[in-house]
Amino acid sequence: MADNNRDNKSGQGEQTVQQYWSRIIRAASGYEARPAMRDELAQDMALAVWRSLSAFSGQCALNTYIYRVIHNVAVDHIRRHSRTTEYELTDEIEDDNISPESDLIHSRRQQKLIIAVNRLPLSLRQVILLKLEDLNNTEIGEVLGLSDSNVAVRLNRAKQKLSELLAGAEE
């Protein structure tokens, strides 16, 4: 009986990880630019989500809970690994973006945006990445442990800083 219960929970965990896999990949991409490290981070995030589901108490939405787990893994990852330089980031993005000539302008803009997002301070990068995942300010606040007003301030600062970084990249 205990094995059946454990198998059922394991199956639910696998189903939840599969359901959130694309979000996990996007989150990992937002925190890690190097392909091998990004894949490792995504696996770590998925494993952490799977392991933590048994502790989910329903005090918040499952979506918010999962993003909180993903956020914690990403912060630990950043603490453990040195940040990549802009030069390394550009090289790896160019290697990954072998595209037709008609997509060249689009891919260059994406490269500049990725570089700019990765250059943001962690506190600003976190809110911008969660906003890009369509979380509202309240959900972002729950994930990061911030008030709604603090989330709004950080989002505004992140947008301003991104504008500055992208304007500097155009010069």
N, C-alpha and C. Protein backbone atom coordinates (compact mmCIF):
# COMPACT_ATOMS: atom_id res chain seq x y z
N MET A 1 0.83 -1.20 0.00
CA MET A 1 0.00 0.00 0.00
C MET A 1 0.86 1.25 0.00
N ALA A 2 1.92 1.26 0.83
CA ALA A 2 2.81 2.42 0.89
C ALA A 2 3.52 2.60 -0.45
N ASP A 3 3.90 1.48 -1.09
CA ASP A 3 4.57 1.57 -2.38
C ASP A 3 3.64 2.15 -3.44
N ASN A 4 2.36 1.75 -3.41
CA ASN A 4 1.39 2.29 -4.36
C ASN A 4 1.22 3.79 -4.18
N ASN A 5 1.17 4.23 -2.92
CA ASN A 5 1.03 5.66 -2.63
C ASN A 5 2.26 6.42 -3.12
N ARG A 6 3.45 5.85 -2.87
CA ARG A 6 4.69 6.49 -3.32
C ARG A 6 4.74 6.52 -4.84
N ASP A 7 4.35 5.43 -5.50
CA ASP A 7 4.33 5.40 -6.97
C ASP A 7 3.36 6.44 -7.53
N ASN A 8 2.20 6.59 -6.87
CA ASN A 8 1.22 7.57 -7.30
C ASN A 8 1.78 8.99 -7.19
N LYS A 9 2.43 9.28 -6.05
CA LYS A 9 3.04 10.60 -5.87
C LYS A 9 4.16 10.82 -6.88
N SER A 10 4.94 9.77 -7.14
CA SER A 10 6.02 9.88 -8.11
C SER A 10 5.46 10.18 -9.50
N GLY A 11 4.37 9.51 -9.85
CA GLY A 11 3.73 9.75 -11.14
C GLY A 11 3.18 11.16 -11.25
N GLN A 12 2.60 11.66 -10.15
CA GLN A 12 2.10 13.04 -10.14
C GLN A 12 3.26 14.02 -10.27
N GLY A 13 4.36 13.72 -9.62
CA GLY A 13 5.54 14.58 -9.70
C GLY A 13 6.09 14.63 -11.11
N GLU A 14 6.17 13.47 -11.75
CA GLU A 14 6.65 13.42 -13.13
C GLU A 14 5.71 14.19 -14.05
N GLN A 15 4.41 14.04 -13.83
CA GLN A 15 3.43 14.74 -14.65
C GLN A 15 3.56 16.25 -14.46
N THR A 16 3.75 16.69 -13.23
CA THR A 16 3.90 18.12 -12.95
C THR A 16 5.16 18.67 -13.59
N VAL A 17 6.26 17.93 -13.48
CA VAL A 17 7.52 18.37 -14.10
C VAL A 17 7.34 18.46 -15.61
N GLN A 18 6.68 17.48 -16.21
CA GLN A 18 6.43 17.54 -17.66
C GLN A 18 5.57 18.74 -18.03
N GLN A 19 4.57 19.02 -17.21
CA GLN A 19 3.67 20.15 -17.46
C GLN A 19 4.43 21.48 -17.41
N TYR A 20 5.40 21.58 -16.50
CA TYR A 20 6.14 22.83 -16.31
C TYR A 20 7.50 22.83 -17.02
N TRP A 21 7.81 21.80 -17.78
CA TRP A 21 9.14 21.68 -18.38
C TRP A 21 9.52 22.88 -19.25
N SER A 22 8.61 23.35 -20.09
CA SER A 22 8.96 24.49 -20.96
C SER A 22 9.24 25.73 -20.12
N ARG A 23 8.55 25.90 -19.02
CA ARG A 23 8.80 27.04 -18.14
C ARG A 23 10.14 26.89 -17.42
N ILE A 24 10.46 25.67 -17.05
CA ILE A 24 11.74 25.40 -16.40
C ILE A 24 12.88 25.72 -17.36
N ILE A 25 12.75 25.30 -18.60
CA ILE A 25 13.78 25.57 -19.62
C ILE A 25 13.95 27.08 -19.82
N ARG A 26 12.83 27.80 -19.93
CA ARG A 26 12.92 29.25 -20.10
C ARG A 26 13.57 29.92 -18.90
N ALA A 27 13.21 29.47 -17.71
CA ALA A 27 13.82 30.04 -16.50
C ALA A 27 15.31 29.77 -16.47
N ALA A 28 15.70 28.54 -16.79
CA ALA A 28 17.13 28.19 -16.81
C ALA A 28 17.86 29.05 -17.84
N SER A 29 17.24 29.29 -18.98
CA SER A 29 17.85 30.13 -20.01
C SER A 29 18.03 31.56 -19.54
N GLY A 30 17.15 32.02 -18.69
CA GLY A 30 17.25 33.37 -18.17
C GLY A 30 18.37 33.55 -17.15
N TYR A 31 18.74 32.47 -16.50
CA TYR A 31 19.77 32.54 -15.48
C TYR A 31 21.13 32.06 -15.96
N GLU A 32 21.16 31.27 -17.02
CA GLU A 32 22.42 30.68 -17.48
C GLU A 32 22.49 30.72 -18.99
N ALA A 33 23.55 31.33 -19.52
CA ALA A 33 23.69 31.48 -20.97
C ALA A 33 24.45 30.32 -21.61
N ARG A 34 25.32 29.68 -20.85
CA ARG A 34 26.13 28.60 -21.42
C ARG A 34 25.27 27.35 -21.59
N PRO A 35 25.20 26.79 -22.80
CA PRO A 35 24.28 25.68 -23.08
C PRO A 35 24.42 24.49 -22.13
N ALA A 36 25.61 24.02 -21.88
CA ALA A 36 25.78 22.86 -21.00
C ALA A 36 25.34 23.18 -19.58
N MET A 37 25.70 24.35 -19.10
CA MET A 37 25.32 24.75 -17.74
C MET A 37 23.81 25.01 -17.67
N ARG A 38 23.23 25.53 -18.74
CA ARG A 38 21.80 25.78 -18.80
C ARG A 38 21.04 24.45 -18.70
N ASP A 39 21.51 23.44 -19.42
CA ASP A 39 20.87 22.13 -19.37
C ASP A 39 20.97 21.53 -17.97
N GLU A 40 22.14 21.67 -17.37
CA GLU A 40 22.34 21.17 -16.00
C GLU A 40 21.42 21.90 -15.02
N LEU A 41 21.32 23.21 -15.17
CA LEU A 41 20.45 23.99 -14.29
C LEU A 41 18.99 23.57 -14.46
N ALA A 42 18.55 23.36 -15.69
CA ALA A 42 17.17 22.93 -15.93
C ALA A 42 16.91 21.58 -15.27
N GLN A 43 17.87 20.66 -15.36
CA GLN A 43 17.71 19.35 -14.71
C GLN A 43 17.64 19.51 -13.19
N ASP A 44 18.50 20.38 -12.64
CA ASP A 44 18.47 20.63 -11.20
C ASP A 44 17.13 21.22 -10.78
N MET A 45 16.61 22.14 -11.59
CA MET A 45 15.31 22.75 -11.29
C MET A 45 14.20 21.71 -11.32
N ALA A 46 14.21 20.87 -12.34
CA ALA A 46 13.17 19.84 -12.47
C ALA A 46 13.24 18.87 -11.30
N LEU A 47 14.43 18.46 -10.93
CA LEU A 47 14.59 17.54 -9.80
C LEU A 47 14.11 18.19 -8.50
N ALA A 48 14.43 19.46 -8.31
CA ALA A 48 14.00 20.17 -7.11
C ALA A 48 12.48 20.30 -7.06
N VAL A 49 11.86 20.56 -8.20
CA VAL A 49 10.40 20.63 -8.26
C VAL A 49 9.82 19.27 -7.89
N TRP A 50 10.33 18.23 -8.50
CA TRP A 50 9.83 16.88 -8.25
C TRP A 50 9.96 16.51 -6.77
N ARG A 51 11.11 16.80 -6.19
CA ARG A 51 11.35 16.46 -4.78
C ARG A 51 10.49 17.30 -3.83
N SER A 52 10.22 18.52 -4.20
CA SER A 52 9.53 19.43 -3.27
C SER A 52 8.01 19.30 -3.30
N LEU A 53 7.47 18.62 -4.27
CA LEU A 53 6.01 18.56 -4.39
C LEU A 53 5.35 17.93 -3.17
N SER A 54 6.03 17.01 -2.51
CA SER A 54 5.44 16.39 -1.33
C SER A 54 5.29 17.39 -0.18
N ALA A 55 6.06 18.48 -0.21
CA ALA A 55 5.98 19.50 0.83
C ALA A 55 4.96 20.59 0.49
N PHE A 56 4.38 20.55 -0.70
CA PHE A 56 3.42 21.57 -1.11
C PHE A 56 2.16 21.45 -0.26
N SER A 57 1.83 22.54 0.43
CA SER A 57 0.70 22.51 1.37
C SER A 57 -0.55 23.19 0.84
N GLY A 58 -0.47 23.83 -0.30
CA GLY A 58 -1.62 24.49 -0.87
C GLY A 58 -1.87 25.89 -0.33
N GLN A 59 -0.92 26.44 0.42
CA GLN A 59 -1.09 27.79 0.97
C GLN A 59 -0.98 28.86 -0.11
N CYS A 60 -0.44 28.50 -1.26
CA CYS A 60 -0.37 29.42 -2.40
C CYS A 60 -0.68 28.58 -3.64
N ALA A 61 -0.76 29.23 -4.76
CA ALA A 61 -1.03 28.51 -6.01
C ALA A 61 0.17 27.61 -6.35
N LEU A 62 -0.11 26.46 -6.94
CA LEU A 62 0.97 25.54 -7.33
C LEU A 62 1.96 26.24 -8.25
N ASN A 63 1.46 27.04 -9.17
CA ASN A 63 2.31 27.79 -10.09
C ASN A 63 3.32 28.65 -9.32
N THR A 64 2.84 29.37 -8.33
CA THR A 64 3.70 30.24 -7.51
C THR A 64 4.72 29.40 -6.75
N TYR A 65 4.27 28.30 -6.20
CA TYR A 65 5.16 27.41 -5.43
C TYR A 65 6.29 26.88 -6.32
N ILE A 66 5.94 26.45 -7.52
CA ILE A 66 6.95 25.91 -8.43
C ILE A 66 7.95 26.99 -8.83
N TYR A 67 7.47 28.19 -9.11
CA TYR A 67 8.41 29.27 -9.45
C TYR A 67 9.31 29.61 -8.27
N ARG A 68 8.81 29.48 -7.07
CA ARG A 68 9.65 29.74 -5.89
C ARG A 68 10.77 28.69 -5.82
N VAL A 69 10.43 27.44 -6.06
CA VAL A 69 11.45 26.38 -6.06
C VAL A 69 12.48 26.65 -7.15
N ILE A 70 12.01 26.97 -8.35
CA ILE A 70 12.90 27.26 -9.47
C ILE A 70 13.82 28.44 -9.14
N HIS A 71 13.25 29.47 -8.56
CA HIS A 71 14.02 30.66 -8.17
C HIS A 71 15.12 30.29 -7.18
N ASN A 72 14.79 29.49 -6.17
CA ASN A 72 15.78 29.11 -5.17
C ASN A 72 16.93 28.31 -5.79
N VAL A 73 16.62 27.41 -6.70
CA VAL A 73 17.66 26.64 -7.37
C VAL A 73 18.54 27.57 -8.20
N ALA A 74 17.92 28.52 -8.89
CA ALA A 74 18.69 29.46 -9.73
C ALA A 74 19.63 30.31 -8.88
N VAL A 75 19.15 30.78 -7.74
CA VAL A 75 20.00 31.60 -6.86
C VAL A 75 21.18 30.76 -6.36
N ASP A 76 20.92 29.52 -5.96
CA ASP A 76 22.02 28.64 -5.53
C ASP A 76 23.01 28.42 -6.66
N HIS A 77 22.50 28.23 -7.86
CA HIS A 77 23.36 28.01 -9.03
C HIS A 77 24.27 29.22 -9.25
N ILE A 78 23.69 30.40 -9.18
CA ILE A 78 24.47 31.62 -9.39
C ILE A 78 25.54 31.76 -8.32
N ARG A 79 25.21 31.40 -7.11
CA ARG A 79 26.21 31.47 -6.03
C ARG A 79 27.37 30.51 -6.28
N ARG A 80 27.06 29.34 -6.81
CA ARG A 80 28.09 28.30 -7.01
C ARG A 80 28.97 28.55 -8.22
N HIS A 81 28.42 29.14 -9.25
CA HIS A 81 29.15 29.26 -10.51
C HIS A 81 29.43 30.72 -10.83
N SER A 82 30.59 30.94 -11.37
CA SER A 82 30.94 32.31 -11.76
C SER A 82 30.10 32.73 -12.95
N ARG A 83 29.90 34.02 -13.06
CA ARG A 83 29.12 34.54 -14.18
C ARG A 83 29.96 34.53 -15.44
N THR A 84 29.31 34.28 -16.53
CA THR A 84 29.98 34.25 -17.82
C THR A 84 30.28 35.67 -18.29
N THR A 85 31.34 35.82 -19.01
CA THR A 85 31.66 37.14 -19.55
C THR A 85 30.81 37.41 -20.78
N GLU A 86 30.70 38.66 -21.15
CA GLU A 86 29.93 39.02 -22.34
C GLU A 86 30.53 38.36 -23.58
N TYR A 87 31.86 38.26 -23.64
CA TYR A 87 32.53 37.65 -24.78
C TYR A 87 32.13 36.18 -24.90
N GLU A 88 32.16 35.44 -23.79
CA GLU A 88 31.77 34.03 -23.83
C GLU A 88 30.31 33.90 -24.24
N LEU A 89 29.46 34.77 -23.69
CA LEU A 89 28.05 34.72 -23.99
C LEU A 89 27.79 34.95 -25.47
N THR A 90 28.42 35.94 -26.04
CA THR A 90 28.24 36.24 -27.46
C THR A 90 28.69 35.07 -28.32
N ASP A 91 29.84 34.48 -28.00
CA ASP A 91 30.33 33.33 -28.77
C ASP A 91 29.34 32.18 -28.73
N GLU A 92 28.82 31.87 -27.54
CA GLU A 92 27.93 30.73 -27.43
C GLU A 92 26.59 30.99 -28.09
N ILE A 93 26.09 32.21 -28.00
CA ILE A 93 24.84 32.53 -28.67
C ILE A 93 25.01 32.42 -30.17
N GLU A 94 26.12 32.91 -30.70
CA GLU A 94 26.35 32.83 -32.13
C GLU A 94 26.46 31.38 -32.58
N ASP A 95 27.10 30.53 -31.77
CA ASP A 95 27.22 29.13 -32.13
C ASP A 95 25.85 28.45 -32.16
N ASP A 96 24.94 28.85 -31.24
CA ASP A 96 23.63 28.23 -31.15
C ASP A 96 22.63 28.78 -32.17
N ASN A 97 22.91 29.94 -32.74
CA ASN A 97 21.95 30.60 -33.62
C ASN A 97 22.37 30.55 -35.08
N ILE A 98 22.61 29.38 -35.58
CA ILE A 98 22.91 29.24 -37.00
C ILE A 98 21.57 29.32 -37.71
N SER A 99 21.31 30.47 -38.35
CA SER A 99 20.00 30.70 -38.94
C SER A 99 20.16 31.22 -40.36
N PRO A 100 19.08 31.17 -41.15
CA PRO A 100 19.13 31.71 -42.50
C PRO A 100 19.44 33.21 -42.46
N GLU A 101 19.96 33.69 -43.56
CA GLU A 101 20.37 35.10 -43.62
C GLU A 101 19.21 36.05 -43.34
N SER A 102 18.00 35.67 -43.72
CA SER A 102 16.84 36.54 -43.50
C SER A 102 16.53 36.75 -42.02
N ASP A 103 16.99 35.83 -41.16
CA ASP A 103 16.77 35.93 -39.72
C ASP A 103 17.92 36.61 -38.99
N LEU A 104 18.92 37.07 -39.72
CA LEU A 104 20.11 37.63 -39.10
C LEU A 104 19.80 38.83 -38.21
N ILE A 105 19.01 39.77 -38.69
CA ILE A 105 18.70 40.96 -37.89
C ILE A 105 17.95 40.57 -36.63
N HIS A 106 16.99 39.68 -36.77
CA HIS A 106 16.22 39.23 -35.61
C HIS A 106 17.12 38.53 -34.59
N SER A 107 17.99 37.67 -35.05
CA SER A 107 18.86 36.95 -34.12
C SER A 107 19.84 37.89 -33.43
N ARG A 108 20.32 38.91 -34.14
CA ARG A 108 21.21 39.91 -33.52
C ARG A 108 20.50 40.67 -32.42
N ARG A 109 19.24 41.03 -32.66
CA ARG A 109 18.46 41.72 -31.62
C ARG A 109 18.26 40.81 -30.41
N GLN A 110 17.97 39.55 -30.66
CA GLN A 110 17.81 38.61 -29.55
C GLN A 110 19.10 38.48 -28.77
N GLN A 111 20.22 38.41 -29.46
CA GLN A 111 21.52 38.32 -28.79
C GLN A 111 21.73 39.52 -27.88
N LYS A 112 21.45 40.70 -28.40
CA LYS A 112 21.63 41.92 -27.61
C LYS A 112 20.72 41.92 -26.39
N LEU A 113 19.49 41.46 -26.57
CA LEU A 113 18.55 41.42 -25.45
C LEU A 113 19.02 40.41 -24.40
N ILE A 114 19.44 39.24 -24.83
CA ILE A 114 19.92 38.22 -23.88
C ILE A 114 21.13 38.74 -23.11
N ILE A 115 22.05 39.37 -23.81
CA ILE A 115 23.23 39.93 -23.15
C ILE A 115 22.80 40.99 -22.15
N ALA A 116 21.87 41.86 -22.55
CA ALA A 116 21.41 42.93 -21.66
C ALA A 116 20.72 42.36 -20.42
N VAL A 117 19.85 41.37 -20.60
CA VAL A 117 19.17 40.76 -19.45
C VAL A 117 20.19 40.12 -18.51
N ASN A 118 21.18 39.44 -19.06
CA ASN A 118 22.19 38.79 -18.22
C ASN A 118 23.11 39.79 -17.52
N ARG A 119 23.16 41.00 -18.02
CA ARG A 119 23.98 42.04 -17.37
C ARG A 119 23.23 42.76 -16.26
N LEU A 120 21.91 42.55 -16.17
CA LEU A 120 21.14 43.17 -15.10
C LEU A 120 21.57 42.60 -13.75
N PRO A 121 21.51 43.40 -12.70
CA PRO A 121 21.73 42.84 -11.36
C PRO A 121 20.69 41.75 -11.09
N LEU A 122 21.05 40.77 -10.29
CA LEU A 122 20.18 39.62 -10.04
C LEU A 122 18.78 40.04 -9.59
N SER A 123 18.68 41.02 -8.71
CA SER A 123 17.37 41.44 -8.19
C SER A 123 16.46 41.97 -9.30
N LEU A 124 17.03 42.61 -10.30
CA LEU A 124 16.23 43.11 -11.43
C LEU A 124 15.98 42.02 -12.46
N ARG A 125 16.97 41.16 -12.67
CA ARG A 125 16.83 40.06 -13.63
C ARG A 125 15.70 39.13 -13.20
N GLN A 126 15.62 38.86 -11.89
CA GLN A 126 14.59 37.94 -11.39
C GLN A 126 13.19 38.44 -11.72
N VAL A 127 12.91 39.71 -11.43
CA VAL A 127 11.55 40.21 -11.67
C VAL A 127 11.23 40.26 -13.15
N ILE A 128 12.18 40.61 -13.97
CA ILE A 128 11.94 40.70 -15.42
C ILE A 128 11.68 39.30 -15.99
N LEU A 129 12.45 38.30 -15.55
CA LEU A 129 12.25 36.94 -16.05
C LEU A 129 10.90 36.38 -15.62
N LEU A 130 10.50 36.63 -14.38
CA LEU A 130 9.20 36.15 -13.92
C LEU A 130 8.06 36.88 -14.64
N LYS A 131 8.25 38.15 -14.92
CA LYS A 131 7.23 38.91 -15.66
C LYS A 131 7.10 38.35 -17.08
N LEU A 132 8.22 37.99 -17.68
CA LEU A 132 8.18 37.39 -19.02
C LEU A 132 7.49 36.03 -19.01
N GLU A 133 7.42 35.41 -17.84
CA GLU A 133 6.69 34.14 -17.69
C GLU A 133 5.21 34.38 -17.40
N ASP A 134 4.78 35.63 -17.53
CA ASP A 134 3.37 36.03 -17.34
C ASP A 134 2.88 35.92 -15.90
N LEU A 135 3.78 36.01 -14.93
CA LEU A 135 3.33 36.10 -13.55
C LEU A 135 2.93 37.54 -13.29
N ASN A 136 1.87 37.73 -12.49
CA ASN A 136 1.49 39.09 -12.14
C ASN A 136 2.35 39.56 -10.96
N ASN A 137 2.24 40.84 -10.62
CA ASN A 137 3.10 41.39 -9.58
C ASN A 137 2.93 40.70 -8.24
N THR A 138 1.71 40.31 -7.90
CA THR A 138 1.46 39.61 -6.64
C THR A 138 2.17 38.26 -6.63
N GLU A 139 2.07 37.52 -7.73
CA GLU A 139 2.74 36.22 -7.82
C GLU A 139 4.26 36.38 -7.77
N ILE A 140 4.77 37.39 -8.46
CA ILE A 140 6.21 37.64 -8.43
C ILE A 140 6.64 37.94 -7.00
N GLY A 141 5.84 38.75 -6.30
CA GLY A 141 6.13 39.07 -4.91
C GLY A 141 6.15 37.84 -4.03
N GLU A 142 5.22 36.92 -4.25
CA GLU A 142 5.19 35.68 -3.46
C GLU A 142 6.42 34.83 -3.73
N VAL A 143 6.83 34.75 -4.99
CA VAL A 143 8.00 33.95 -5.35
C VAL A 143 9.26 34.53 -4.73
N LEU A 144 9.40 35.86 -4.80
CA LEU A 144 10.64 36.50 -4.36
C LEU A 144 10.58 37.03 -2.93
N GLY A 145 9.42 36.94 -2.30
CA GLY A 145 9.28 37.45 -0.94
C GLY A 145 9.28 38.97 -0.88
N LEU A 146 8.62 39.61 -1.85
CA LEU A 146 8.59 41.07 -1.94
C LEU A 146 7.15 41.57 -1.92
N SER A 147 6.97 42.83 -1.56
CA SER A 147 5.65 43.45 -1.63
C SER A 147 5.33 43.77 -3.09
N ASP A 148 4.04 43.98 -3.37
CA ASP A 148 3.63 44.34 -4.73
C ASP A 148 4.30 45.63 -5.18
N SER A 149 4.39 46.60 -4.27
CA SER A 149 5.00 47.88 -4.64
C SER A 149 6.49 47.72 -4.92
N ASN A 150 7.16 46.86 -4.16
CA ASN A 150 8.59 46.63 -4.41
C ASN A 150 8.79 45.94 -5.75
N VAL A 151 7.90 45.03 -6.08
CA VAL A 151 7.97 44.36 -7.39
C VAL A 151 7.81 45.40 -8.50
N ALA A 152 6.84 46.29 -8.35
CA ALA A 152 6.60 47.32 -9.37
C ALA A 152 7.83 48.22 -9.53
N VAL A 153 8.44 48.60 -8.41
CA VAL A 153 9.64 49.44 -8.47
C VAL A 153 10.77 48.72 -9.19
N ARG A 154 10.98 47.44 -8.84
CA ARG A 154 12.06 46.68 -9.47
C ARG A 154 11.80 46.47 -10.96
N LEU A 155 10.54 46.23 -11.32
CA LEU A 155 10.22 46.07 -12.74
C LEU A 155 10.51 47.36 -13.50
N ASN A 156 10.14 48.48 -12.92
CA ASN A 156 10.41 49.77 -13.56
C ASN A 156 11.91 49.99 -13.72
N ARG A 157 12.66 49.70 -12.66
CA ARG A 157 14.12 49.86 -12.73
C ARG A 157 14.73 48.91 -13.76
N ALA A 158 14.22 47.69 -13.81
CA ALA A 158 14.74 46.71 -14.77
C ALA A 158 14.49 47.19 -16.20
N LYS A 159 13.31 47.70 -16.47
CA LYS A 159 12.99 48.21 -17.81
C LYS A 159 13.89 49.39 -18.17
N GLN A 160 14.09 50.29 -17.21
CA GLN A 160 14.96 51.44 -17.47
C GLN A 160 16.39 50.99 -17.75
N LYS A 161 16.88 50.06 -16.93
CA LYS A 161 18.26 49.58 -17.10
C LYS A 161 18.40 48.85 -18.43
N LEU A 162 17.40 48.04 -18.80
CA LEU A 162 17.44 47.35 -20.09
C LEU A 162 17.47 48.35 -21.24
N SER A 163 16.68 49.40 -21.13
CA SER A 163 16.69 50.44 -22.17
C SER A 163 18.06 51.06 -22.31
N GLU A 164 18.70 51.36 -21.17
CA GLU A 164 20.04 51.94 -21.19
C GLU A 164 21.05 50.98 -21.81
N LEU A 165 20.99 49.71 -21.40
CA LEU A 165 21.93 48.72 -21.92
C LEU A 165 21.74 48.51 -23.42
N LEU A 166 20.49 48.46 -23.85
CA LEU A 166 20.23 48.25 -25.28
C LEU A 166 20.60 49.48 -26.09
N ALA A 167 20.38 50.66 -25.54
CA ALA A 167 20.79 51.89 -26.24
C ALA A 167 22.31 51.94 -26.37
N GLY A 168 23.01 51.52 -25.34
CA GLY A 168 24.48 51.47 -25.38
C GLY A 168 24.98 50.43 -26.36
N ALA A 169 24.22 49.36 -26.55
CA ALA A 169 24.62 48.31 -27.49
C ALA A 169 24.45 48.76 -28.94
N GLU A 170 23.57 49.72 -29.17
CA GLU A 170 23.32 50.23 -30.52
C GLU A 170 24.45 51.13 -31.00
N GLU A 171 25.18 51.72 -30.06
CA GLU A 171 26.23 52.68 -30.43
C GLU A 171 27.45 52.02 -30.99
